[in-house]
Amino acid sequence: MLIFVGLGLQSNGLSIRGLESLEDADSIYAELYTSLIPDSSLSNLSDEIGEEIKVLDRERIEDDPSEVLESASKGKTILLVPGDPMIATTHIDLRLRAEKAGIETKIIHGASIETAAPGLVGL
């Protein structure tokens, strides 16, 4: 199973549902190139949950996601994403690849700048 978890606008913006999903994960990855989040925030989250969070570069998500897909085919795999995971086409593509490979996917949405900005300016 592959679960896309939105970190919100910062790692301490992670929803309770998102935090709970990390509790029994077999593998936890993070993608930080579609949106930025301070490394210290991710390090703090890793310390809080007592698990390693492996940061993946663009190539290992877009060009060759075999590591993530293989992990997800064997157990509960989390991909942490700043903001909302389905805002970026990168994550939509990865979800489609997983589904095509017969891997179940879930999404835990998070706040994103795309949803926060209109509220901040009063729209």
PDB file of N, CA and C in Angstrom:
ATOM      1  N   MET A   1       0.840  -1.174   0.000  1.00  0.00           N
ATOM      2  CA  MET A   1       0.000   0.000   0.000  1.00  0.00           C
ATOM      3  C   MET A   1       0.886   1.238   0.000  1.00  0.00           C
ATOM      4  N   LEU A   2       0.472   2.229  -0.787  1.00  0.00           N
ATOM      5  CA  LEU A   2       1.186   3.505  -0.847  1.00  0.00           C
ATOM      6  C   LEU A   2       0.246   4.605  -0.372  1.00  0.00           C
ATOM      7  N   ILE A   3       0.649   5.293   0.687  1.00  0.00           N
ATOM      8  CA  ILE A   3      -0.165   6.366   1.250  1.00  0.00           C
ATOM      9  C   ILE A   3       0.564   7.687   1.054  1.00  0.00           C
ATOM     10  N   PHE A   4      -0.090   8.595   0.356  1.00  0.00           N
ATOM     11  CA  PHE A   4       0.432   9.944   0.151  1.00  0.00           C
ATOM     12  C   PHE A   4      -0.067  10.801   1.305  1.00  0.00           C
ATOM     13  N   VAL A   5       0.843  11.394   2.057  1.00  0.00           N
ATOM     14  CA  VAL A   5       0.467  12.175   3.234  1.00  0.00           C
ATOM     15  C   VAL A   5       0.940  13.614   3.069  1.00  0.00           C
ATOM     16  N   GLY A   6      -0.014  14.546   3.089  1.00  0.00           N
ATOM     17  CA  GLY A   6       0.315  15.961   3.015  1.00  0.00           C
ATOM     18  C   GLY A   6       0.798  16.473   4.359  1.00  0.00           C
ATOM     19  N   LEU A   7       1.933  17.167   4.345  1.00  0.00           N
ATOM     20  CA  LEU A   7       2.491  17.728   5.575  1.00  0.00           C
ATOM     21  C   LEU A   7       1.861  19.058   5.948  1.00  0.00           C
ATOM     22  N   GLY A   8       1.048  19.615   5.071  1.00  0.00           N
ATOM     23  CA  GLY A   8       0.529  20.950   5.322  1.00  0.00           C
ATOM     24  C   GLY A   8       1.582  21.977   4.960  1.00  0.00           C
ATOM     25  N   LEU A   9       1.447  23.159   5.527  1.00  0.00           N
ATOM     26  CA  LEU A   9       2.359  24.248   5.199  1.00  0.00           C
ATOM     27  C   LEU A   9       3.710  24.123   5.898  1.00  0.00           C
ATOM     28  N   GLN A  10       3.789  23.241   6.868  1.00  0.00           N
ATOM     29  CA  GLN A  10       5.041  22.935   7.571  1.00  0.00           C
ATOM     30  C   GLN A  10       4.849  21.598   8.268  1.00  0.00           C
ATOM     31  N   SER A  11       5.912  20.966   8.700  1.00  0.00           N
ATOM     32  CA  SER A  11       5.768  19.612   9.247  1.00  0.00           C
ATOM     33  C   SER A  11       4.894  19.568  10.494  1.00  0.00           C
ATOM     34  N   ASN A  12       4.840  20.648  11.258  1.00  0.00           N
ATOM     35  CA  ASN A  12       3.956  20.625  12.429  1.00  0.00           C
ATOM     36  C   ASN A  12       2.511  20.930  12.043  1.00  0.00           C
ATOM     37  N   GLY A  13       2.247  21.003  10.741  1.00  0.00           N
ATOM     38  CA  GLY A  13       0.884  21.139  10.237  1.00  0.00           C
ATOM     39  C   GLY A  13       0.288  19.800   9.837  1.00  0.00           C
ATOM     40  N   LEU A  14       1.004  18.726  10.121  1.00  0.00           N
ATOM     41  CA  LEU A  14       0.547  17.380   9.800  1.00  0.00           C
ATOM     42  C   LEU A  14      -0.735  17.073  10.570  1.00  0.00           C
ATOM     43  N   SER A  15      -1.731  16.539   9.874  1.00  0.00           N
ATOM     44  CA  SER A  15      -3.000  16.217  10.526  1.00  0.00           C
ATOM     45  C   SER A  15      -2.835  15.032  11.472  1.00  0.00           C
ATOM     46  N   ILE A  16      -3.781  14.876  12.363  1.00  0.00           N
ATOM     47  CA  ILE A  16      -3.765  13.732  13.283  1.00  0.00           C
ATOM     48  C   ILE A  16      -3.822  12.441  12.481  1.00  0.00           C
ATOM     49  N   ARG A  17      -4.665  12.421  11.463  1.00  0.00           N
ATOM     50  CA  ARG A  17      -4.767  11.235  10.603  1.00  0.00           C
ATOM     51  C   ARG A  17      -3.424  10.942   9.929  1.00  0.00           C
ATOM     52  N   GLY A  18      -2.749  11.985   9.468  1.00  0.00           N
ATOM     53  CA  GLY A  18      -1.437  11.809   8.852  1.00  0.00           C
ATOM     54  C   GLY A  18      -0.425  11.255   9.835  1.00  0.00           C
ATOM     55  N   LEU A  19      -0.419  11.802  11.040  1.00  0.00           N
ATOM     56  CA  LEU A  19       0.497  11.334  12.081  1.00  0.00           C
ATOM     57  C   LEU A  19       0.214   9.876  12.441  1.00  0.00           C
ATOM     58  N   GLU A  20      -1.056   9.532  12.557  1.00  0.00           N
ATOM     59  CA  GLU A  20      -1.428   8.153  12.884  1.00  0.00           C
ATOM     60  C   GLU A  20      -0.998   7.180  11.795  1.00  0.00           C
ATOM     61  N   SER A  21      -1.008   7.633  10.545  1.00  0.00           N
ATOM     62  CA  SER A  21      -0.617   6.743   9.443  1.00  0.00           C
ATOM     63  C   SER A  21       0.852   6.345   9.524  1.00  0.00           C
ATOM     64  N   LEU A  22       1.661   7.158  10.195  1.00  0.00           N
ATOM     65  CA  LEU A  22       3.094   6.883  10.311  1.00  0.00           C
ATOM     66  C   LEU A  22       3.412   5.818  11.359  1.00  0.00           C
ATOM     67  N   GLU A  23       2.469   5.581  12.269  1.00  0.00           N
ATOM     68  CA  GLU A  23       2.737   4.724  13.425  1.00  0.00           C
ATOM     69  C   GLU A  23       3.186   3.316  13.066  1.00  0.00           C
ATOM     70  N   ASP A  24       2.548   2.692  12.096  1.00  0.00           N
ATOM     71  CA  ASP A  24       2.897   1.308  11.772  1.00  0.00           C
ATOM     72  C   ASP A  24       3.386   1.156  10.335  1.00  0.00           C
ATOM     73  N   ALA A  25       3.974   2.225   9.813  1.00  0.00           N
ATOM     74  CA  ALA A  25       4.489   2.182   8.442  1.00  0.00           C
ATOM     75  C   ALA A  25       5.740   1.310   8.364  1.00  0.00           C
ATOM     76  N   ASP A  26       5.859   0.603   7.264  1.00  0.00           N
ATOM     77  CA  ASP A  26       7.059  -0.195   7.019  1.00  0.00           C
ATOM     78  C   ASP A  26       8.189   0.662   6.454  1.00  0.00           C
ATOM     79  N   SER A  27       7.826   1.653   5.630  1.00  0.00           N
ATOM     80  CA  SER A  27       8.806   2.569   5.034  1.00  0.00           C
ATOM     81  C   SER A  27       8.203   3.962   4.966  1.00  0.00           C
ATOM     82  N   ILE A  28       9.028   4.969   5.247  1.00  0.00           N
ATOM     83  CA  ILE A  28       8.582   6.359   5.169  1.00  0.00           C
ATOM     84  C   ILE A  28       9.562   7.127   4.297  1.00  0.00           C
ATOM     85  N   TYR A  29       9.018   7.714   3.247  1.00  0.00           N
ATOM     86  CA  TYR A  29       9.803   8.535   2.328  1.00  0.00           C
ATOM     87  C   TYR A  29       9.261   9.956   2.362  1.00  0.00           C
ATOM     88  N   ALA A  30      10.062  10.885   1.909  1.00  0.00           N
ATOM     89  CA  ALA A  30       9.618  12.274   1.756  1.00  0.00           C
ATOM     90  C   ALA A  30      10.126  12.798   0.428  1.00  0.00           C
ATOM     91  N   GLU A  31       9.343  13.630  -0.175  1.00  0.00           N
ATOM     92  CA  GLU A  31       9.697  14.305  -1.420  1.00  0.00           C
ATOM     93  C   GLU A  31       9.659  15.785  -1.120  1.00  0.00           C
ATOM     94  N   LEU A  32      10.759  16.483  -1.335  1.00  0.00           N
ATOM     95  CA  LEU A  32      10.847  17.890  -0.943  1.00  0.00           C
ATOM     96  C   LEU A  32      11.205  18.825  -2.089  1.00  0.00           C
ATOM     97  N   TYR A  33      11.112  18.372  -3.326  1.00  0.00           N
ATOM     98  CA  TYR A  33      11.503  19.265  -4.416  1.00  0.00           C
ATOM     99  C   TYR A  33      10.320  19.958  -5.082  1.00  0.00           C
ATOM    100  N   THR A  34       9.094  19.432  -4.968  1.00  0.00           N
ATOM    101  CA  THR A  34       7.955  20.139  -5.566  1.00  0.00           C
ATOM    102  C   THR A  34       7.545  21.332  -4.715  1.00  0.00           C
ATOM    103  N   SER A  35       7.823  21.267  -3.424  1.00  0.00           N
ATOM    104  CA  SER A  35       7.612  22.376  -2.488  1.00  0.00           C
ATOM    105  C   SER A  35       8.707  22.280  -1.431  1.00  0.00           C
ATOM    106  N   LEU A  36       9.033  23.404  -0.855  1.00  0.00           N
ATOM    107  CA  LEU A  36      10.112  23.422   0.129  1.00  0.00           C
ATOM    108  C   LEU A  36       9.573  23.310   1.545  1.00  0.00           C
ATOM    109  N   ILE A  37      10.335  22.657   2.382  1.00  0.00           N
ATOM    110  CA  ILE A  37      10.064  22.595   3.816  1.00  0.00           C
ATOM    111  C   ILE A  37      11.440  22.468   4.475  1.00  0.00           C
ATOM    112  N   PRO A  38      11.684  23.161   5.558  1.00  0.00           N
ATOM    113  CA  PRO A  38      13.019  23.094   6.176  1.00  0.00           C
ATOM    114  C   PRO A  38      13.393  21.671   6.581  1.00  0.00           C
ATOM    115  N   ASP A  39      14.647  21.297   6.314  1.00  0.00           N
ATOM    116  CA  ASP A  39      15.131  19.971   6.711  1.00  0.00           C
ATOM    117  C   ASP A  39      14.973  19.743   8.205  1.00  0.00           C
ATOM    118  N   SER A  40      15.124  20.820   8.988  1.00  0.00           N
ATOM    119  CA  SER A  40      15.004  20.684  10.441  1.00  0.00           C
ATOM    120  C   SER A  40      13.598  20.246  10.830  1.00  0.00           C
ATOM    121  N   SER A  41      12.585  20.692  10.092  1.00  0.00           N
ATOM    122  CA  SER A  41      11.210  20.283  10.381  1.00  0.00           C
ATOM    123  C   SER A  41      11.040  18.785  10.174  1.00  0.00           C
ATOM    124  N   LEU A  42      11.614  18.277   9.093  1.00  0.00           N
ATOM    125  CA  LEU A  42      11.533  16.849   8.806  1.00  0.00           C
ATOM    126  C   LEU A  42      12.326  16.048   9.840  1.00  0.00           C
ATOM    127  N   SER A  43      13.458  16.577  10.240  1.00  0.00           N
ATOM    128  CA  SER A  43      14.275  15.929  11.265  1.00  0.00           C
ATOM    129  C   SER A  43      13.520  15.866  12.592  1.00  0.00           C
ATOM    130  N   ASN A  44      12.838  16.947  12.937  1.00  0.00           N
ATOM    131  CA  ASN A  44      12.038  16.966  14.166  1.00  0.00           C
ATOM    132  C   ASN A  44      10.921  15.933  14.104  1.00  0.00           C
ATOM    133  N   LEU A  45      10.270  15.821  12.941  1.00  0.00           N
ATOM    134  CA  LEU A  45       9.204  14.835  12.778  1.00  0.00           C
ATOM    135  C   LEU A  45       9.772  13.425  12.920  1.00  0.00           C
ATOM    136  N   SER A  46      10.911  13.170  12.313  1.00  0.00           N
ATOM    137  CA  SER A  46      11.558  11.865  12.415  1.00  0.00           C
ATOM    138  C   SER A  46      11.864  11.524  13.874  1.00  0.00           C
ATOM    139  N   ASP A  47      12.371  12.503  14.617  1.00  0.00           N
ATOM    140  CA  ASP A  47      12.651  12.296  16.040  1.00  0.00           C
ATOM    141  C   ASP A  47      11.368  12.010  16.814  1.00  0.00           C
ATOM    142  N   GLU A  48      10.307  12.735  16.479  1.00  0.00           N
ATOM    143  CA  GLU A  48       9.031  12.575  17.188  1.00  0.00           C
ATOM    144  C   GLU A  48       8.435  11.188  16.992  1.00  0.00           C
ATOM    145  N   ILE A  49       8.501  10.670  15.775  1.00  0.00           N
ATOM    146  CA  ILE A  49       7.892   9.367  15.508  1.00  0.00           C
ATOM    147  C   ILE A  49       8.862   8.205  15.729  1.00  0.00           C
ATOM    148  N   GLY A  50      10.148   8.534  15.903  1.00  0.00           N
ATOM    149  CA  GLY A  50      11.141   7.494  16.149  1.00  0.00           C
ATOM    150  C   GLY A  50      11.430   6.618  14.942  1.00  0.00           C
ATOM    151  N   GLU A  51      11.246   7.159  13.764  1.00  0.00           N
ATOM    152  CA  GLU A  51      11.477   6.411  12.527  1.00  0.00           C
ATOM    153  C   GLU A  51      12.314   7.236  11.564  1.00  0.00           C
ATOM    154  N   GLU A  52      13.061   6.552  10.718  1.00  0.00           N
ATOM    155  CA  GLU A  52      13.833   7.227   9.676  1.00  0.00           C
ATOM    156  C   GLU A  52      12.902   7.660   8.548  1.00  0.00           C
ATOM    157  N   ILE A  53      13.122   8.864   8.063  1.00  0.00           N
ATOM    158  CA  ILE A  53      12.403   9.364   6.897  1.00  0.00           C
ATOM    159  C   ILE A  53      13.435   9.537   5.794  1.00  0.00           C
ATOM    160  N   LYS A  54      13.279   8.776   4.740  1.00  0.00           N
ATOM    161  CA  LYS A  54      14.240   8.809   3.636  1.00  0.00           C
ATOM    162  C   LYS A  54      13.776   9.831   2.599  1.00  0.00           C
ATOM    163  N   VAL A  55      14.604  10.838   2.348  1.00  0.00           N
ATOM    164  CA  VAL A  55      14.273  11.883   1.375  1.00  0.00           C
ATOM    165  C   VAL A  55      14.688  11.414  -0.017  1.00  0.00           C
ATOM    166  N   LEU A  56      13.741  11.485  -0.940  1.00  0.00           N
ATOM    167  CA  LEU A  56      13.987  11.072  -2.319  1.00  0.00           C
ATOM    168  C   LEU A  56      14.136  12.285  -3.222  1.00  0.00           C
ATOM    169  N   ASP A  57      15.044  12.177  -4.177  1.00  0.00           N
ATOM    170  CA  ASP A  57      15.213  13.262  -5.142  1.00  0.00           C
ATOM    171  C   ASP A  57      14.224  13.093  -6.302  1.00  0.00           C
ATOM    172  N   ARG A  58      14.220  14.071  -7.166  1.00  0.00           N
ATOM    173  CA  ARG A  58      13.276  14.111  -8.283  1.00  0.00           C
ATOM    174  C   ARG A  58      13.355  12.847  -9.151  1.00  0.00           C
ATOM    175  N   GLU A  59      14.561  12.422  -9.446  1.00  0.00           N
ATOM    176  CA  GLU A  59      14.742  11.255 -10.319  1.00  0.00           C
ATOM    177  C   GLU A  59      14.079  10.011  -9.740  1.00  0.00           C
ATOM    178  N   ARG A  60      14.187   9.829  -8.414  1.00  0.00           N
ATOM    179  CA  ARG A  60      13.647   8.617  -7.785  1.00  0.00           C
ATOM    180  C   ARG A  60      12.145   8.679  -7.548  1.00  0.00           C
ATOM    181  N   ILE A  61      11.528   9.796  -7.910  1.00  0.00           N
ATOM    182  CA  ILE A  61      10.068   9.891  -7.876  1.00  0.00           C
ATOM    183  C   ILE A  61       9.516   9.889  -9.298  1.00  0.00           C
ATOM    184  N   GLU A  62      10.106  10.704 -10.161  1.00  0.00           N
ATOM    185  CA  GLU A  62       9.562  10.867 -11.510  1.00  0.00           C
ATOM    186  C   GLU A  62      10.112   9.864 -12.521  1.00  0.00           C
ATOM    187  N   ASP A  63      11.434   9.731 -12.581  1.00  0.00           N
ATOM    188  CA  ASP A  63      12.046   8.909 -13.625  1.00  0.00           C
ATOM    189  C   ASP A  63      12.080   7.420 -13.286  1.00  0.00           C
ATOM    190  N   ASP A  64      12.427   7.108 -12.059  1.00  0.00           N
ATOM    191  CA  ASP A  64      12.543   5.708 -11.654  1.00  0.00           C
ATOM    192  C   ASP A  64      12.027   5.518 -10.226  1.00  0.00           C
ATOM    193  N   PRO A  65      10.702   5.428 -10.079  1.00  0.00           N
ATOM    194  CA  PRO A  65      10.129   5.272  -8.736  1.00  0.00           C
ATOM    195  C   PRO A  65      10.109   3.828  -8.246  1.00  0.00           C
ATOM    196  N   SER A  66      10.962   2.984  -8.810  1.00  0.00           N
ATOM    197  CA  SER A  66      10.918   1.558  -8.480  1.00  0.00           C
ATOM    198  C   SER A  66      11.119   1.283  -6.987  1.00  0.00           C
ATOM    199  N   GLU A  67      11.959   2.070  -6.316  1.00  0.00           N
ATOM    200  CA  GLU A  67      12.185   1.848  -4.884  1.00  0.00           C
ATOM    201  C   GLU A  67      10.890   2.023  -4.092  1.00  0.00           C
ATOM    202  N   VAL A  68      10.170   3.097  -4.376  1.00  0.00           N
ATOM    203  CA  VAL A  68       8.914   3.369  -3.671  1.00  0.00           C
ATOM    204  C   VAL A  68       7.868   2.320  -4.023  1.00  0.00           C
ATOM    205  N   LEU A  69       7.745   2.013  -5.305  1.00  0.00           N
ATOM    206  CA  LEU A  69       6.733   1.047  -5.734  1.00  0.00           C
ATOM    207  C   LEU A  69       7.021  -0.351  -5.196  1.00  0.00           C
ATOM    208  N   GLU A  70       8.286  -0.743  -5.171  1.00  0.00           N
ATOM    209  CA  GLU A  70       8.637  -2.051  -4.616  1.00  0.00           C
ATOM    210  C   GLU A  70       8.315  -2.104  -3.126  1.00  0.00           C
ATOM    211  N   SER A  71       8.651  -1.040  -2.421  1.00  0.00           N
ATOM    212  CA  SER A  71       8.344  -0.970  -0.997  1.00  0.00           C
ATOM    213  C   SER A  71       6.837  -1.062  -0.762  1.00  0.00           C
ATOM    214  N   ALA A  72       6.076  -0.337  -1.574  1.00  0.00           N
ATOM    215  CA  ALA A  72       4.617  -0.317  -1.427  1.00  0.00           C
ATOM    216  C   ALA A  72       3.984  -1.658  -1.789  1.00  0.00           C
ATOM    217  N   SER A  73       4.635  -2.417  -2.656  1.00  0.00           N
ATOM    218  CA  SER A  73       4.098  -3.734  -3.014  1.00  0.00           C
ATOM    219  C   SER A  73       4.304  -4.745  -1.889  1.00  0.00           C
ATOM    220  N   LYS A  74       5.240  -4.440  -0.977  1.00  0.00           N
ATOM    221  CA  LYS A  74       5.564  -5.363   0.113  1.00  0.00           C
ATOM    222  C   LYS A  74       4.944  -4.979   1.452  1.00  0.00           C
ATOM    223  N   GLY A  75       4.613  -3.701   1.625  1.00  0.00           N
ATOM    224  CA  GLY A  75       4.103  -3.263   2.919  1.00  0.00           C
ATOM    225  C   GLY A  75       3.601  -1.838   2.879  1.00  0.00           C
ATOM    226  N   LYS A  76       3.250  -1.344   4.034  1.00  0.00           N
ATOM    227  CA  LYS A  76       2.696   0.008   4.162  1.00  0.00           C
ATOM    228  C   LYS A  76       3.810   1.036   3.980  1.00  0.00           C
ATOM    229  N   THR A  77       3.686   1.802   2.909  1.00  0.00           N
ATOM    230  CA  THR A  77       4.698   2.788   2.545  1.00  0.00           C
ATOM    231  C   THR A  77       4.073   4.170   2.522  1.00  0.00           C
ATOM    232  N   ILE A  78       4.739   5.107   3.160  1.00  0.00           N
ATOM    233  CA  ILE A  78       4.258   6.488   3.238  1.00  0.00           C
ATOM    234  C   ILE A  78       5.149   7.368   2.379  1.00  0.00           C
ATOM    235  N   LEU A  79       4.530   8.275   1.628  1.00  0.00           N
ATOM    236  CA  LEU A  79       5.269   9.327   0.940  1.00  0.00           C
ATOM    237  C   LEU A  79       4.788  10.655   1.503  1.00  0.00           C
ATOM    238  N   LEU A  80       5.645  11.305   2.281  1.00  0.00           N
ATOM    239  CA  LEU A  80       5.342  12.612   2.855  1.00  0.00           C
ATOM    240  C   LEU A  80       5.618  13.690   1.819  1.00  0.00           C
ATOM    241  N   VAL A  81       4.677  14.621   1.710  1.00  0.00           N
ATOM    242  CA  VAL A  81       4.769  15.677   0.705  1.00  0.00           C
ATOM    243  C   VAL A  81       4.376  17.001   1.348  1.00  0.00           C
ATOM    244  N   PRO A  82       5.181  18.054   1.181  1.00  0.00           N
ATOM    245  CA  PRO A  82       4.760  19.369   1.683  1.00  0.00           C
ATOM    246  C   PRO A  82       3.443  19.790   1.029  1.00  0.00           C
ATOM    247  N   GLY A  83       2.609  20.456   1.799  1.00  0.00           N
ATOM    248  CA  GLY A  83       1.324  20.907   1.256  1.00  0.00           C
ATOM    249  C   GLY A  83       0.365  19.753   1.084  1.00  0.00           C
ATOM    250  N   ASP A  84      -0.341  19.745  -0.036  1.00  0.00           N
ATOM    251  CA  ASP A  84      -1.301  18.693  -0.355  1.00  0.00           C
ATOM    252  C   ASP A  84      -0.701  17.807  -1.442  1.00  0.00           C
ATOM    253  N   PRO A  85      -0.696  16.497  -1.250  1.00  0.00           N
ATOM    254  CA  PRO A  85      -0.003  15.631  -2.194  1.00  0.00           C
ATOM    255  C   PRO A  85      -0.569  15.606  -3.609  1.00  0.00           C
ATOM    256  N   MET A  86      -1.814  15.938  -3.787  1.00  0.00           N
ATOM    257  CA  MET A  86      -2.392  15.834  -5.121  1.00  0.00           C
ATOM    258  C   MET A  86      -2.389  17.153  -5.883  1.00  0.00           C
ATOM    259  N   ILE A  87      -1.710  18.174  -5.368  1.00  0.00           N
ATOM    260  CA  ILE A  87      -1.558  19.437  -6.092  1.00  0.00           C
ATOM    261  C   ILE A  87      -0.548  19.266  -7.228  1.00  0.00           C
ATOM    262  N   ALA A  88       0.511  18.493  -6.999  1.00  0.00           N
ATOM    263  CA  ALA A  88       1.566  18.318  -8.003  1.00  0.00           C
ATOM    264  C   ALA A  88       1.266  17.121  -8.909  1.00  0.00           C
ATOM    265  N   THR A  89       1.435  17.316 -10.202  1.00  0.00           N
ATOM    266  CA  THR A  89       1.213  16.222 -11.153  1.00  0.00           C
ATOM    267  C   THR A  89       2.183  15.072 -10.922  1.00  0.00           C
ATOM    268  N   THR A  90       3.335  15.353 -10.335  1.00  0.00           N
ATOM    269  CA  THR A  90       4.317  14.320 -10.002  1.00  0.00           C
ATOM    270  C   THR A  90       3.686  13.224  -9.155  1.00  0.00           C
ATOM    271  N   HIS A  91       2.913  13.619  -8.168  1.00  0.00           N
ATOM    272  CA  HIS A  91       2.323  12.648  -7.247  1.00  0.00           C
ATOM    273  C   HIS A  91       1.120  11.951  -7.873  1.00  0.00           C
ATOM    274  N   ILE A  92       0.407  12.665  -8.709  1.00  0.00           N
ATOM    275  CA  ILE A  92      -0.699  12.041  -9.445  1.00  0.00           C
ATOM    276  C   ILE A  92      -0.139  10.941 -10.339  1.00  0.00           C
ATOM    277  N   ASP A  93       0.966  11.244 -11.031  1.00  0.00           N
ATOM    278  CA  ASP A  93       1.603  10.253 -11.899  1.00  0.00           C
ATOM    279  C   ASP A  93       2.063   9.035 -11.099  1.00  0.00           C
ATOM    280  N   LEU A  94       2.679   9.263  -9.950  1.00  0.00           N
ATOM    281  CA  LEU A  94       3.138   8.152  -9.117  1.00  0.00           C
ATOM    282  C   LEU A  94       1.954   7.316  -8.640  1.00  0.00           C
ATOM    283  N   ARG A  95       0.874   7.964  -8.293  1.00  0.00           N
ATOM    284  CA  ARG A  95      -0.318   7.228  -7.863  1.00  0.00           C
ATOM    285  C   ARG A  95      -0.851   6.359  -8.999  1.00  0.00           C
ATOM    286  N   LEU A  96      -0.902   6.908 -10.196  1.00  0.00           N
ATOM    287  CA  LEU A  96      -1.374   6.135 -11.348  1.00  0.00           C
ATOM    288  C   LEU A  96      -0.461   4.943 -11.631  1.00  0.00           C
ATOM    289  N   ARG A  97       0.844   5.141 -11.506  1.00  0.00           N
ATOM    290  CA  ARG A  97       1.790   4.033 -11.705  1.00  0.00           C
ATOM    291  C   ARG A  97       1.560   2.933 -10.672  1.00  0.00           C
ATOM    292  N   ALA A  98       1.346   3.340  -9.433  1.00  0.00           N
ATOM    293  CA  ALA A  98       1.101   2.363  -8.367  1.00  0.00           C
ATOM    294  C   ALA A  98      -0.178   1.582  -8.639  1.00  0.00           C
ATOM    295  N   GLU A  99      -1.237   2.289  -8.978  1.00  0.00           N
ATOM    296  CA  GLU A  99      -2.519   1.628  -9.255  1.00  0.00           C
ATOM    297  C   GLU A  99      -2.376   0.654 -10.425  1.00  0.00           C
ATOM    298  N   LYS A 100      -1.648   1.067 -11.457  1.00  0.00           N
ATOM    299  CA  LYS A 100      -1.427   0.205 -12.624  1.00  0.00           C
ATOM    300  C   LYS A 100      -0.669  -1.062 -12.233  1.00  0.00           C
ATOM    301  N   ALA A 101       0.206  -0.947 -11.241  1.00  0.00           N
ATOM    302  CA  ALA A 101       0.977  -2.097 -10.758  1.00  0.00           C
ATOM    303  C   ALA A 101       0.194  -2.931  -9.741  1.00  0.00           C
ATOM    304  N   GLY A 102      -1.061  -2.569  -9.497  1.00  0.00           N
ATOM    305  CA  GLY A 102      -1.894  -3.316  -8.559  1.00  0.00           C
ATOM    306  C   GLY A 102      -1.661  -2.962  -7.101  1.00  0.00           C
ATOM    307  N   ILE A 103      -1.049  -1.817  -6.860  1.00  0.00           N
ATOM    308  CA  ILE A 103      -0.765  -1.369  -5.493  1.00  0.00           C
ATOM    309  C   ILE A 103      -1.878  -0.438  -5.033  1.00  0.00           C
ATOM    310  N   GLU A 104      -2.479  -0.758  -3.911  1.00  0.00           N
ATOM    311  CA  GLU A 104      -3.529   0.093  -3.347  1.00  0.00           C
ATOM    312  C   GLU A 104      -2.920   1.421  -2.904  1.00  0.00           C
ATOM    313  N   THR A 105      -3.656   2.511  -3.127  1.00  0.00           N
ATOM    314  CA  THR A 105      -3.187   3.829  -2.699  1.00  0.00           C
ATOM    315  C   THR A 105      -4.245   4.522  -1.853  1.00  0.00           C
ATOM    316  N   LYS A 106      -3.779   5.396  -0.994  1.00  0.00           N
ATOM    317  CA  LYS A 106      -4.652   6.256  -0.196  1.00  0.00           C
ATOM    318  C   LYS A 106      -4.035   7.640  -0.166  1.00  0.00           C
ATOM    319  N   ILE A 107      -4.871   8.622   0.095  1.00  0.00           N
ATOM    320  CA  ILE A 107      -4.402  10.003   0.172  1.00  0.00           C
ATOM    321  C   ILE A 107      -4.872  10.611   1.480  1.00  0.00           C
ATOM    322  N   ILE A 108      -3.954  11.250   2.179  1.00  0.00           N
ATOM    323  CA  ILE A 108      -4.300  12.036   3.357  1.00  0.00           C
ATOM    324  C   ILE A 108      -3.906  13.466   3.013  1.00  0.00           C
ATOM    325  N   HIS A 109      -4.912  14.263   2.731  1.00  0.00           N
ATOM    326  CA  HIS A 109      -4.682  15.625   2.258  1.00  0.00           C
ATOM    327  C   HIS A 109      -4.115  16.513   3.362  1.00  0.00           C
ATOM    328  N   GLY A 110      -3.441  17.566   2.941  1.00  0.00           N
ATOM    329  CA  GLY A 110      -2.908  18.570   3.850  1.00  0.00           C
ATOM    330  C   GLY A 110      -3.191  19.948   3.295  1.00  0.00           C
ATOM    331  N   ALA A 111      -3.098  20.944   4.142  1.00  0.00           N
ATOM    332  CA  ALA A 111      -3.269  22.323   3.675  1.00  0.00           C
ATOM    333  C   ALA A 111      -2.139  22.657   2.712  1.00  0.00           C
ATOM    334  N   SER A 112      -2.442  23.481   1.734  1.00  0.00           N
ATOM    335  CA  SER A 112      -1.405  23.907   0.790  1.00  0.00           C
ATOM    336  C   SER A 112      -1.505  25.410   0.582  1.00  0.00           C
ATOM    337  N   ILE A 113      -0.466  25.982   0.031  1.00  0.00           N
ATOM    338  CA  ILE A 113      -0.476  27.415  -0.238  1.00  0.00           C
ATOM    339  C   ILE A 113      -1.573  27.758  -1.238  1.00  0.00           C
ATOM    340  N   GLU A 114      -1.889  26.801  -2.121  1.00  0.00           N
ATOM    341  CA  GLU A 114      -2.951  27.028  -3.104  1.00  0.00           C
ATOM    342  C   GLU A 114      -4.309  27.213  -2.435  1.00  0.00           C
ATOM    343  N   THR A 115      -4.517  26.584  -1.294  1.00  0.00           N
ATOM    344  CA  THR A 115      -5.776  26.764  -0.575  1.00  0.00           C
ATOM    345  C   THR A 115      -5.677  27.845   0.494  1.00  0.00           C
ATOM    346  N   ALA A 116      -4.493  28.068   1.040  1.00  0.00           N
ATOM    347  CA  ALA A 116      -4.329  29.065   2.101  1.00  0.00           C
ATOM    348  C   ALA A 116      -4.319  30.497   1.563  1.00  0.00           C
ATOM    349  N   ALA A 117      -3.691  30.714   0.421  1.00  0.00           N
ATOM    350  CA  ALA A 117      -3.530  32.073  -0.113  1.00  0.00           C
ATOM    351  C   ALA A 117      -4.856  32.799  -0.334  1.00  0.00           C
ATOM    352  N   PRO A 118      -5.859  32.179  -0.966  1.00  0.00           N
ATOM    353  CA  PRO A 118      -7.127  32.898  -1.144  1.00  0.00           C
ATOM    354  C   PRO A 118      -7.761  33.323   0.183  1.00  0.00           C
ATOM    355  N   GLY A 119      -7.633  32.486   1.196  1.00  0.00           N
ATOM    356  CA  GLY A 119      -8.168  32.839   2.506  1.00  0.00           C
ATOM    357  C   GLY A 119      -7.428  33.996   3.141  1.00  0.00           C
ATOM    358  N   LEU A 120      -6.123  34.026   2.941  1.00  0.00           N
ATOM    359  CA  LEU A 120      -5.314  35.101   3.516  1.00  0.00           C
ATOM    360  C   LEU A 120      -5.605  36.461   2.896  1.00  0.00           C
ATOM    361  N   VAL A 121      -5.987  36.466   1.627  1.00  0.00           N
ATOM    362  CA  VAL A 121      -6.288  37.740   0.962  1.00  0.00           C
ATOM    363  C   VAL A 121      -7.779  38.058   0.971  1.00  0.00           C
ATOM    364  N   GLY A 122      -8.565  37.207   1.613  1.00  0.00           N
ATOM    365  CA  GLY A 122      -9.980  37.501   1.786  1.00  0.00           C
ATOM    366  C   GLY A 122     -10.882  37.089   0.639  1.00  0.00           C
ATOM    367  N   LEU A 123     -10.452  36.173  -0.195  1.00  0.00           N
ATOM    368  CA  LEU A 123     -11.308  35.708  -1.297  1.00  0.00           C
ATOM    369  C   LEU A 123     -12.241  34.612  -0.864  1.00  0.00           C
TER     370      LEU A 123
END
